[in-house]
Amino acid sequence: MRVWVERLGRTSLTFGMRVMPLDEDIEHASGRRTVVRVDPETKRPCAWTPTFRAEIAPYCAHIEAEASQ
């Protein structure tokens, strides 16, 4: 399976994924999964922390590059 970050929003994060054999670039399935950060007390969406954003930044470099074009 290949997984990447497609989008990092203020409160959400979307992963893209593909199921492929290890030795071939033949896609058997693909999809997206979006997760939303929720405050445990209010049960409302809340912003990602600066620490989380810093930790995930290396996986989002392509998003920054695409946004600036």
N, C-alpha and C. Protein backbone atom coordinates (compact mmCIF):
# COMPACT_ATOMS: atom_id res chain seq x y z
N MET A 1 0.85 -1.16 0.00
CA MET A 1 0.00 0.00 0.00
C MET A 1 0.90 1.23 0.00
N ARG A 2 0.52 2.21 -0.75
CA ARG A 2 1.22 3.49 -0.77
C ARG A 2 0.29 4.55 -0.21
N VAL A 3 0.79 5.33 0.73
CA VAL A 3 -0.02 6.33 1.42
C VAL A 3 0.73 7.66 1.38
N TRP A 4 0.00 8.76 1.18
CA TRP A 4 0.59 10.09 1.16
C TRP A 4 -0.41 11.10 1.69
N VAL A 5 0.07 12.28 2.02
CA VAL A 5 -0.79 13.36 2.48
C VAL A 5 -1.23 14.16 1.26
N GLU A 6 -2.54 14.26 1.06
CA GLU A 6 -3.08 15.05 -0.05
C GLU A 6 -3.35 16.49 0.36
N ARG A 7 -3.83 16.66 1.59
CA ARG A 7 -4.22 18.01 2.02
C ARG A 7 -4.13 18.10 3.53
N LEU A 8 -3.58 19.21 4.00
CA LEU A 8 -3.57 19.51 5.42
C LEU A 8 -4.33 20.80 5.60
N GLY A 9 -5.51 20.70 6.20
CA GLY A 9 -6.33 21.87 6.46
C GLY A 9 -6.12 22.37 7.88
N ARG A 10 -6.93 23.32 8.28
CA ARG A 10 -6.83 23.86 9.64
C ARG A 10 -7.18 22.80 10.68
N THR A 11 -8.26 22.03 10.42
CA THR A 11 -8.71 21.01 11.37
C THR A 11 -8.74 19.60 10.77
N SER A 12 -8.48 19.47 9.47
CA SER A 12 -8.57 18.16 8.82
C SER A 12 -7.27 17.80 8.12
N LEU A 13 -7.14 16.50 7.84
CA LEU A 13 -5.98 15.95 7.16
C LEU A 13 -6.51 14.87 6.23
N THR A 14 -6.17 14.96 4.94
CA THR A 14 -6.63 13.98 3.97
C THR A 14 -5.45 13.18 3.45
N PHE A 15 -5.56 11.87 3.58
CA PHE A 15 -4.57 10.94 3.06
C PHE A 15 -5.08 10.37 1.74
N GLY A 16 -4.18 10.17 0.79
CA GLY A 16 -4.47 9.40 -0.41
C GLY A 16 -3.81 8.05 -0.25
N MET A 17 -4.35 7.03 -0.92
CA MET A 17 -3.74 5.70 -0.81
C MET A 17 -4.00 4.89 -2.07
N ARG A 18 -3.08 3.98 -2.33
CA ARG A 18 -3.20 3.04 -3.45
C ARG A 18 -2.77 1.66 -2.98
N VAL A 19 -3.48 0.65 -3.42
CA VAL A 19 -3.08 -0.73 -3.18
C VAL A 19 -2.45 -1.23 -4.48
N MET A 20 -1.17 -1.59 -4.39
CA MET A 20 -0.42 -2.03 -5.56
C MET A 20 0.52 -3.17 -5.16
N PRO A 21 0.85 -4.06 -6.09
CA PRO A 21 1.86 -5.07 -5.78
C PRO A 21 3.20 -4.40 -5.51
N LEU A 22 4.04 -5.06 -4.71
CA LEU A 22 5.35 -4.49 -4.40
C LEU A 22 6.23 -4.37 -5.63
N ASP A 23 6.07 -5.27 -6.58
CA ASP A 23 6.97 -5.31 -7.73
C ASP A 23 6.38 -4.74 -9.02
N GLU A 24 5.17 -4.16 -8.96
CA GLU A 24 4.54 -3.62 -10.17
C GLU A 24 3.79 -2.34 -9.85
N ASP A 25 3.65 -1.49 -10.84
CA ASP A 25 2.86 -0.26 -10.69
C ASP A 25 1.46 -0.47 -11.28
N ILE A 26 0.80 -1.50 -10.82
CA ILE A 26 -0.57 -1.80 -11.24
C ILE A 26 -1.48 -1.49 -10.06
N GLU A 27 -2.35 -0.54 -10.25
CA GLU A 27 -3.25 -0.14 -9.16
C GLU A 27 -4.43 -1.09 -9.06
N HIS A 28 -4.60 -1.69 -7.89
CA HIS A 28 -5.73 -2.58 -7.65
C HIS A 28 -6.88 -1.85 -6.96
N ALA A 29 -6.56 -0.84 -6.18
CA ALA A 29 -7.58 -0.05 -5.50
C ALA A 29 -6.95 1.29 -5.10
N SER A 30 -7.80 2.30 -4.98
CA SER A 30 -7.32 3.60 -4.52
C SER A 30 -8.40 4.25 -3.67
N GLY A 31 -7.99 5.23 -2.88
CA GLY A 31 -8.98 5.89 -2.05
C GLY A 31 -8.40 7.07 -1.30
N ARG A 32 -9.25 7.68 -0.52
CA ARG A 32 -8.89 8.81 0.33
C ARG A 32 -9.51 8.59 1.70
N ARG A 33 -8.84 9.13 2.70
CA ARG A 33 -9.38 9.08 4.06
C ARG A 33 -9.11 10.44 4.68
N THR A 34 -10.15 11.05 5.18
CA THR A 34 -10.02 12.35 5.85
C THR A 34 -10.29 12.17 7.33
N VAL A 35 -9.41 12.72 8.14
CA VAL A 35 -9.59 12.71 9.58
C VAL A 35 -9.72 14.16 10.04
N VAL A 36 -10.52 14.37 11.06
CA VAL A 36 -10.74 15.70 11.62
C VAL A 36 -10.34 15.66 13.08
N ARG A 37 -9.55 16.63 13.48
CA ARG A 37 -9.16 16.73 14.90
C ARG A 37 -10.33 17.32 15.67
N VAL A 38 -10.72 16.63 16.75
CA VAL A 38 -11.87 17.03 17.55
C VAL A 38 -11.44 17.28 18.98
N ASP A 39 -11.89 18.40 19.53
CA ASP A 39 -11.63 18.72 20.93
C ASP A 39 -12.41 17.73 21.79
N PRO A 40 -11.76 17.02 22.70
CA PRO A 40 -12.46 16.00 23.49
C PRO A 40 -13.53 16.57 24.43
N GLU A 41 -13.40 17.82 24.81
CA GLU A 41 -14.40 18.40 25.72
C GLU A 41 -15.60 18.97 24.99
N THR A 42 -15.35 19.73 23.92
CA THR A 42 -16.46 20.39 23.21
C THR A 42 -17.04 19.54 22.10
N LYS A 43 -16.30 18.51 21.69
CA LYS A 43 -16.71 17.64 20.58
C LYS A 43 -16.81 18.42 19.26
N ARG A 44 -16.08 19.53 19.16
CA ARG A 44 -16.06 20.37 17.96
C ARG A 44 -14.69 20.26 17.31
N PRO A 45 -14.63 20.46 15.97
CA PRO A 45 -13.32 20.46 15.31
C PRO A 45 -12.42 21.54 15.91
N CYS A 46 -11.14 21.23 16.02
CA CYS A 46 -10.17 22.21 16.53
C CYS A 46 -8.91 22.14 15.67
N ALA A 47 -8.15 23.20 15.69
CA ALA A 47 -6.97 23.33 14.84
C ALA A 47 -5.86 22.36 15.26
N TRP A 48 -5.09 21.92 14.27
CA TRP A 48 -3.91 21.11 14.55
C TRP A 48 -2.91 21.97 15.32
N THR A 49 -2.16 21.36 16.20
CA THR A 49 -1.17 22.09 16.98
C THR A 49 0.05 22.42 16.10
N PRO A 50 0.78 23.46 16.46
CA PRO A 50 2.03 23.76 15.74
C PRO A 50 3.02 22.58 15.77
N THR A 51 3.05 21.85 16.87
CA THR A 51 3.93 20.68 16.98
C THR A 51 3.55 19.62 15.95
N PHE A 52 2.25 19.34 15.83
CA PHE A 52 1.80 18.35 14.84
C PHE A 52 2.14 18.82 13.43
N ARG A 53 1.88 20.10 13.13
CA ARG A 53 2.18 20.64 11.80
C ARG A 53 3.67 20.52 11.49
N ALA A 54 4.52 20.76 12.47
CA ALA A 54 5.97 20.65 12.26
C ALA A 54 6.37 19.20 12.00
N GLU A 55 5.74 18.27 12.72
CA GLU A 55 6.08 16.86 12.56
C GLU A 55 5.62 16.30 11.22
N ILE A 56 4.50 16.78 10.70
CA ILE A 56 3.98 16.25 9.45
C ILE A 56 4.48 17.03 8.22
N ALA A 57 5.12 18.16 8.45
CA ALA A 57 5.59 19.03 7.36
C ALA A 57 6.41 18.30 6.29
N PRO A 58 7.33 17.39 6.64
CA PRO A 58 8.09 16.71 5.59
C PRO A 58 7.22 15.91 4.63
N TYR A 59 6.08 15.46 5.09
CA TYR A 59 5.18 14.68 4.24
C TYR A 59 4.24 15.56 3.43
N CYS A 60 4.26 16.86 3.69
CA CYS A 60 3.39 17.82 3.02
C CYS A 60 4.15 18.74 2.07
N ALA A 61 5.43 18.50 1.86
CA ALA A 61 6.26 19.38 1.03
C ALA A 61 5.66 19.54 -0.37
N HIS A 62 5.14 18.47 -0.94
CA HIS A 62 4.57 18.55 -2.29
C HIS A 62 3.32 19.42 -2.32
N ILE A 63 2.57 19.48 -1.22
CA ILE A 63 1.38 20.32 -1.15
C ILE A 63 1.78 21.79 -1.22
N GLU A 64 2.82 22.16 -0.47
CA GLU A 64 3.31 23.54 -0.48
C GLU A 64 3.79 23.92 -1.88
N ALA A 65 4.51 23.00 -2.55
CA ALA A 65 5.02 23.27 -3.89
C ALA A 65 3.88 23.48 -4.88
N GLU A 66 2.85 22.64 -4.81
CA GLU A 66 1.71 22.76 -5.72
C GLU A 66 0.93 24.04 -5.47
N ALA A 67 0.78 24.44 -4.23
CA ALA A 67 0.02 25.63 -3.88
C ALA A 67 0.70 26.90 -4.37
N SER A 68 2.02 26.89 -4.46
CA SER A 68 2.74 28.10 -4.86
C SER A 68 2.86 28.24 -6.37
N GLN A 69 2.43 27.27 -7.13
CA GLN A 69 2.53 27.34 -8.61
C GLN A 69 1.38 28.10 -9.20
